[in-house]
Amino acid sequence: MLSLKCSDAGFDCQHTIKGNSKEEIMNQAKEHGKRDHNLQDSDFSPELVNKIENLITESKIS
């Protein structure tokens, strides 16, 4: 299981995304960013996507 903490990406947010692949995490991260942080597709630059992908970690199943 993989996870991403929104706060690790620099947001004042306690949301954690969990998934089985980086692609799944990124899809959820984009949805969360649009829904809860008013981000647009254009905000997800290659640099931001790379930063987020590097923050994804292995998590223990809880």
PDB file of N, CA and C in Angstrom:
ATOM      1  N   MET A   1       0.847  -1.173   0.000  1.00  0.00           N
ATOM      2  CA  MET A   1       0.000   0.000   0.000  1.00  0.00           C
ATOM      3  C   MET A   1       0.894   1.238   0.000  1.00  0.00           C
ATOM      4  N   LEU A   2       0.520   2.212  -0.795  1.00  0.00           N
ATOM      5  CA  LEU A   2       1.235   3.481  -0.881  1.00  0.00           C
ATOM      6  C   LEU A   2       0.385   4.567  -0.245  1.00  0.00           C
ATOM      7  N   SER A   3       1.037   5.644   0.207  1.00  0.00           N
ATOM      8  CA  SER A   3       0.272   6.749   0.768  1.00  0.00           C
ATOM      9  C   SER A   3       0.956   8.079   0.485  1.00  0.00           C
ATOM     10  N   LEU A   4       0.154   9.130   0.594  1.00  0.00           N
ATOM     11  CA  LEU A   4       0.628  10.500   0.408  1.00  0.00           C
ATOM     12  C   LEU A   4      -0.117  11.381   1.393  1.00  0.00           C
ATOM     13  N   LYS A   5       0.632  12.141   2.182  1.00  0.00           N
ATOM     14  CA  LYS A   5       0.037  13.106   3.100  1.00  0.00           C
ATOM     15  C   LYS A   5      -0.006  14.454   2.387  1.00  0.00           C
ATOM     16  N   CYS A   6      -1.172  15.040   2.340  1.00  0.00           N
ATOM     17  CA  CYS A   6      -1.324  16.331   1.673  1.00  0.00           C
ATOM     18  C   CYS A   6      -0.412  17.377   2.313  1.00  0.00           C
ATOM     19  N   SER A   7      -0.255  17.313   3.621  1.00  0.00           N
ATOM     20  CA  SER A   7       0.598  18.292   4.310  1.00  0.00           C
ATOM     21  C   SER A   7       2.048  18.212   3.841  1.00  0.00           C
ATOM     22  N   ASP A   8       2.495  17.030   3.402  1.00  0.00           N
ATOM     23  CA  ASP A   8       3.864  16.893   2.900  1.00  0.00           C
ATOM     24  C   ASP A   8       4.071  17.678   1.606  1.00  0.00           C
ATOM     25  N   ALA A   9       2.978  17.926   0.887  1.00  0.00           N
ATOM     26  CA  ALA A   9       3.061  18.687  -0.363  1.00  0.00           C
ATOM     27  C   ALA A   9       2.964  20.191  -0.116  1.00  0.00           C
ATOM     28  N   GLY A  10       2.894  20.580   1.168  1.00  0.00           N
ATOM     29  CA  GLY A  10       2.915  21.997   1.497  1.00  0.00           C
ATOM     30  C   GLY A  10       1.563  22.608   1.816  1.00  0.00           C
ATOM     31  N   PHE A  11       0.530  21.786   1.892  1.00  0.00           N
ATOM     32  CA  PHE A  11      -0.792  22.299   2.200  1.00  0.00           C
ATOM     33  C   PHE A  11      -1.091  22.139   3.686  1.00  0.00           C
ATOM     34  N   ASP A  12      -1.853  23.069   4.237  1.00  0.00           N
ATOM     35  CA  ASP A  12      -2.301  22.978   5.627  1.00  0.00           C
ATOM     36  C   ASP A  12      -3.538  22.081   5.622  1.00  0.00           C
ATOM     37  N   CYS A  13      -3.296  20.776   5.551  1.00  0.00           N
ATOM     38  CA  CYS A  13      -4.368  19.803   5.339  1.00  0.00           C
ATOM     39  C   CYS A  13      -3.924  18.465   5.919  1.00  0.00           C
ATOM     40  N   GLN A  14      -4.809  17.803   6.619  1.00  0.00           N
ATOM     41  CA  GLN A  14      -4.475  16.531   7.248  1.00  0.00           C
ATOM     42  C   GLN A  14      -4.902  15.318   6.416  1.00  0.00           C
ATOM     43  N   HIS A  15      -5.353  15.543   5.193  1.00  0.00           N
ATOM     44  CA  HIS A  15      -5.829  14.461   4.337  1.00  0.00           C
ATOM     45  C   HIS A  15      -4.681  13.533   3.938  1.00  0.00           C
ATOM     46  N   THR A  16      -4.938  12.224   3.985  1.00  0.00           N
ATOM     47  CA  THR A  16      -3.981  11.221   3.530  1.00  0.00           C
ATOM     48  C   THR A  16      -4.634  10.399   2.438  1.00  0.00           C
ATOM     49  N   ILE A  17      -3.925  10.212   1.358  1.00  0.00           N
ATOM     50  CA  ILE A  17      -4.400   9.431   0.213  1.00  0.00           C
ATOM     51  C   ILE A  17      -3.687   8.091   0.226  1.00  0.00           C
ATOM     52  N   LYS A  18      -4.443   7.030   0.029  1.00  0.00           N
ATOM     53  CA  LYS A  18      -3.855   5.688  -0.016  1.00  0.00           C
ATOM     54  C   LYS A  18      -4.253   5.010  -1.312  1.00  0.00           C
ATOM     55  N   GLY A  19      -3.347   4.190  -1.839  1.00  0.00           N
ATOM     56  CA  GLY A  19      -3.621   3.473  -3.069  1.00  0.00           C
ATOM     57  C   GLY A  19      -2.572   2.407  -3.314  1.00  0.00           C
ATOM     58  N   ASN A  20      -2.777   1.674  -4.397  1.00  0.00           N
ATOM     59  CA  ASN A  20      -1.895   0.563  -4.733  1.00  0.00           C
ATOM     60  C   ASN A  20      -0.816   0.915  -5.748  1.00  0.00           C
ATOM     61  N   SER A  21      -0.920   2.088  -6.372  1.00  0.00           N
ATOM     62  CA  SER A  21       0.078   2.482  -7.364  1.00  0.00           C
ATOM     63  C   SER A  21       0.245   3.999  -7.340  1.00  0.00           C
ATOM     64  N   LYS A  22       1.371   4.464  -7.878  1.00  0.00           N
ATOM     65  CA  LYS A  22       1.597   5.913  -7.951  1.00  0.00           C
ATOM     66  C   LYS A  22       0.529   6.575  -8.819  1.00  0.00           C
ATOM     67  N   GLU A  23       0.118   5.884  -9.880  1.00  0.00           N
ATOM     68  CA  GLU A  23      -0.915   6.436 -10.768  1.00  0.00           C
ATOM     69  C   GLU A  23      -2.227   6.637 -10.002  1.00  0.00           C
ATOM     70  N   GLU A  24      -2.596   5.647  -9.204  1.00  0.00           N
ATOM     71  CA  GLU A  24      -3.823   5.743  -8.406  1.00  0.00           C
ATOM     72  C   GLU A  24      -3.728   6.900  -7.415  1.00  0.00           C
ATOM     73  N   ILE A  25      -2.588   7.029  -6.747  1.00  0.00           N
ATOM     74  CA  ILE A  25      -2.373   8.114  -5.794  1.00  0.00           C
ATOM     75  C   ILE A  25      -2.460   9.466  -6.504  1.00  0.00           C
ATOM     76  N   MET A  26      -1.819   9.592  -7.652  1.00  0.00           N
ATOM     77  CA  MET A  26      -1.824  10.864  -8.381  1.00  0.00           C
ATOM     78  C   MET A  26      -3.232  11.238  -8.826  1.00  0.00           C
ATOM     79  N   ASN A  27      -4.004  10.272  -9.293  1.00  0.00           N
ATOM     80  CA  ASN A  27      -5.384  10.563  -9.693  1.00  0.00           C
ATOM     81  C   ASN A  27      -6.183  11.086  -8.503  1.00  0.00           C
ATOM     82  N   GLN A  28      -6.031  10.433  -7.367  1.00  0.00           N
ATOM     83  CA  GLN A  28      -6.741  10.869  -6.163  1.00  0.00           C
ATOM     84  C   GLN A  28      -6.233  12.234  -5.686  1.00  0.00           C
ATOM     85  N   ALA A  29      -4.928  12.451  -5.789  1.00  0.00           N
ATOM     86  CA  ALA A  29      -4.345  13.731  -5.367  1.00  0.00           C
ATOM     87  C   ALA A  29      -4.890  14.875  -6.220  1.00  0.00           C
ATOM     88  N   LYS A  30      -5.008  14.650  -7.509  1.00  0.00           N
ATOM     89  CA  LYS A  30      -5.559  15.684  -8.393  1.00  0.00           C
ATOM     90  C   LYS A  30      -7.018  15.960  -8.056  1.00  0.00           C
ATOM     91  N   GLU A  31      -7.803  14.916  -7.836  1.00  0.00           N
ATOM     92  CA  GLU A  31      -9.207  15.098  -7.461  1.00  0.00           C
ATOM     93  C   GLU A  31      -9.312  15.864  -6.146  1.00  0.00           C
ATOM     94  N   HIS A  32      -8.508  15.477  -5.157  1.00  0.00           N
ATOM     95  CA  HIS A  32      -8.516  16.145  -3.854  1.00  0.00           C
ATOM     96  C   HIS A  32      -8.097  17.608  -3.999  1.00  0.00           C
ATOM     97  N   GLY A  33      -7.054  17.857  -4.762  1.00  0.00           N
ATOM     98  CA  GLY A  33      -6.583  19.224  -4.967  1.00  0.00           C
ATOM     99  C   GLY A  33      -7.636  20.119  -5.600  1.00  0.00           C
ATOM    100  N   LYS A  34      -8.340  19.582  -6.573  1.00  0.00           N
ATOM    101  CA  LYS A  34      -9.397  20.360  -7.241  1.00  0.00           C
ATOM    102  C   LYS A  34     -10.574  20.599  -6.296  1.00  0.00           C
ATOM    103  N   ARG A  35     -10.977  19.559  -5.598  1.00  0.00           N
ATOM    104  CA  ARG A  35     -12.155  19.628  -4.736  1.00  0.00           C
ATOM    105  C   ARG A  35     -11.903  20.469  -3.480  1.00  0.00           C
ATOM    106  N   ASP A  36     -10.769  20.252  -2.820  1.00  0.00           N
ATOM    107  CA  ASP A  36     -10.557  20.841  -1.508  1.00  0.00           C
ATOM    108  C   ASP A  36      -9.584  22.017  -1.469  1.00  0.00           C
ATOM    109  N   HIS A  37      -8.819  22.209  -2.538  1.00  0.00           N
ATOM    110  CA  HIS A  37      -7.837  23.296  -2.545  1.00  0.00           C
ATOM    111  C   HIS A  37      -8.005  24.227  -3.746  1.00  0.00           C
ATOM    112  N   ASN A  38      -9.124  24.072  -4.455  1.00  0.00           N
ATOM    113  CA  ASN A  38      -9.456  24.938  -5.595  1.00  0.00           C
ATOM    114  C   ASN A  38      -8.376  24.975  -6.671  1.00  0.00           C
ATOM    115  N   LEU A  39      -7.669  23.864  -6.850  1.00  0.00           N
ATOM    116  CA  LEU A  39      -6.667  23.786  -7.907  1.00  0.00           C
ATOM    117  C   LEU A  39      -7.337  23.455  -9.228  1.00  0.00           C
ATOM    118  N   GLN A  40      -6.683  23.825 -10.296  1.00  0.00           N
ATOM    119  CA  GLN A  40      -7.153  23.535 -11.658  1.00  0.00           C
ATOM    120  C   GLN A  40      -6.178  22.549 -12.288  1.00  0.00           C
ATOM    121  N   ASP A  41      -6.598  21.919 -13.400  1.00  0.00           N
ATOM    122  CA  ASP A  41      -5.703  21.008 -14.114  1.00  0.00           C
ATOM    123  C   ASP A  41      -4.373  21.691 -14.437  1.00  0.00           C
ATOM    124  N   SER A  42      -4.437  22.961 -14.817  1.00  0.00           N
ATOM    125  CA  SER A  42      -3.225  23.690 -15.210  1.00  0.00           C
ATOM    126  C   SER A  42      -2.264  23.907 -14.036  1.00  0.00           C
ATOM    127  N   ASP A  43      -2.752  23.784 -12.804  1.00  0.00           N
ATOM    128  CA  ASP A  43      -1.879  23.938 -11.636  1.00  0.00           C
ATOM    129  C   ASP A  43      -0.948  22.744 -11.455  1.00  0.00           C
ATOM    130  N   PHE A  44      -1.304  21.610 -12.060  1.00  0.00           N
ATOM    131  CA  PHE A  44      -0.500  20.393 -11.914  1.00  0.00           C
ATOM    132  C   PHE A  44       0.584  20.350 -12.988  1.00  0.00           C
ATOM    133  N   SER A  45       1.547  21.236 -12.805  1.00  0.00           N
ATOM    134  CA  SER A  45       2.678  21.320 -13.736  1.00  0.00           C
ATOM    135  C   SER A  45       3.519  20.052 -13.612  1.00  0.00           C
ATOM    136  N   PRO A  46       4.366  19.778 -14.594  1.00  0.00           N
ATOM    137  CA  PRO A  46       5.256  18.620 -14.476  1.00  0.00           C
ATOM    138  C   PRO A  46       6.104  18.672 -13.206  1.00  0.00           C
ATOM    139  N   GLU A  47       6.499  19.877 -12.801  1.00  0.00           N
ATOM    140  CA  GLU A  47       7.305  20.020 -11.591  1.00  0.00           C
ATOM    141  C   GLU A  47       6.504  19.622 -10.347  1.00  0.00           C
ATOM    142  N   LEU A  48       5.247  20.067 -10.268  1.00  0.00           N
ATOM    143  CA  LEU A  48       4.414  19.726  -9.116  1.00  0.00           C
ATOM    144  C   LEU A  48       4.110  18.232  -9.096  1.00  0.00           C
ATOM    145  N   VAL A  49       3.799  17.664 -10.239  1.00  0.00           N
ATOM    146  CA  VAL A  49       3.526  16.229 -10.321  1.00  0.00           C
ATOM    147  C   VAL A  49       4.752  15.440  -9.865  1.00  0.00           C
ATOM    148  N   ASN A  50       5.937  15.850 -10.307  1.00  0.00           N
ATOM    149  CA  ASN A  50       7.177  15.184  -9.902  1.00  0.00           C
ATOM    150  C   ASN A  50       7.389  15.311  -8.392  1.00  0.00           C
ATOM    151  N   LYS A  51       7.146  16.502  -7.844  1.00  0.00           N
ATOM    152  CA  LYS A  51       7.287  16.720  -6.404  1.00  0.00           C
ATOM    153  C   LYS A  51       6.348  15.787  -5.644  1.00  0.00           C
ATOM    154  N   ILE A  52       5.095  15.731  -6.074  1.00  0.00           N
ATOM    155  CA  ILE A  52       4.108  14.886  -5.391  1.00  0.00           C
ATOM    156  C   ILE A  52       4.494  13.417  -5.503  1.00  0.00           C
ATOM    157  N   GLU A  53       4.897  12.978  -6.680  1.00  0.00           N
ATOM    158  CA  GLU A  53       5.291  11.575  -6.856  1.00  0.00           C
ATOM    159  C   GLU A  53       6.443  11.199  -5.919  1.00  0.00           C
ATOM    160  N   ASN A  54       7.354  12.129  -5.687  1.00  0.00           N
ATOM    161  CA  ASN A  54       8.488  11.863  -4.801  1.00  0.00           C
ATOM    162  C   ASN A  54       8.093  11.831  -3.327  1.00  0.00           C
ATOM    163  N   LEU A  55       6.910  12.315  -2.992  1.00  0.00           N
ATOM    164  CA  LEU A  55       6.418  12.306  -1.614  1.00  0.00           C
ATOM    165  C   LEU A  55       5.614  11.042  -1.284  1.00  0.00           C
ATOM    166  N   ILE A  56       5.304  10.256  -2.295  1.00  0.00           N
ATOM    167  CA  ILE A  56       4.537   9.024  -2.082  1.00  0.00           C
ATOM    168  C   ILE A  56       5.441   8.007  -1.395  1.00  0.00           C
ATOM    169  N   THR A  57       4.915   7.417  -0.333  1.00  0.00           N
ATOM    170  CA  THR A  57       5.700   6.456   0.454  1.00  0.00           C
ATOM    171  C   THR A  57       4.950   5.147   0.620  1.00  0.00           C
ATOM    172  N   GLU A  58       5.712   4.122   0.960  1.00  0.00           N
ATOM    173  CA  GLU A  58       5.114   2.842   1.338  1.00  0.00           C
ATOM    174  C   GLU A  58       4.463   3.039   2.697  1.00  0.00           C
ATOM    175  N   SER A  59       3.265   2.528   2.863  1.00  0.00           N
ATOM    176  CA  SER A  59       2.599   2.665   4.158  1.00  0.00           C
ATOM    177  C   SER A  59       2.217   1.293   4.682  1.00  0.00           C
ATOM    178  N   LYS A  60       2.099   1.232   5.974  1.00  0.00           N
ATOM    179  CA  LYS A  60       1.625   0.003   6.589  1.00  0.00           C
ATOM    180  C   LYS A  60       0.110  -0.046   6.434  1.00  0.00           C
ATOM    181  N   ILE A  61      -0.405  -1.209   6.151  1.00  0.00           N
ATOM    182  CA  ILE A  61      -1.844  -1.365   6.027  1.00  0.00           C
ATOM    183  C   ILE A  61      -2.458  -1.231   7.404  1.00  0.00           C
ATOM    184  N   SER A  62      -3.449  -0.321   7.470  1.00  0.00           N
ATOM    185  CA  SER A  62      -4.079  -0.092   8.771  1.00  0.00           C
ATOM    186  C   SER A  62      -5.536  -0.468   8.765  1.00  0.00           C
TER     187      SER A  62
END
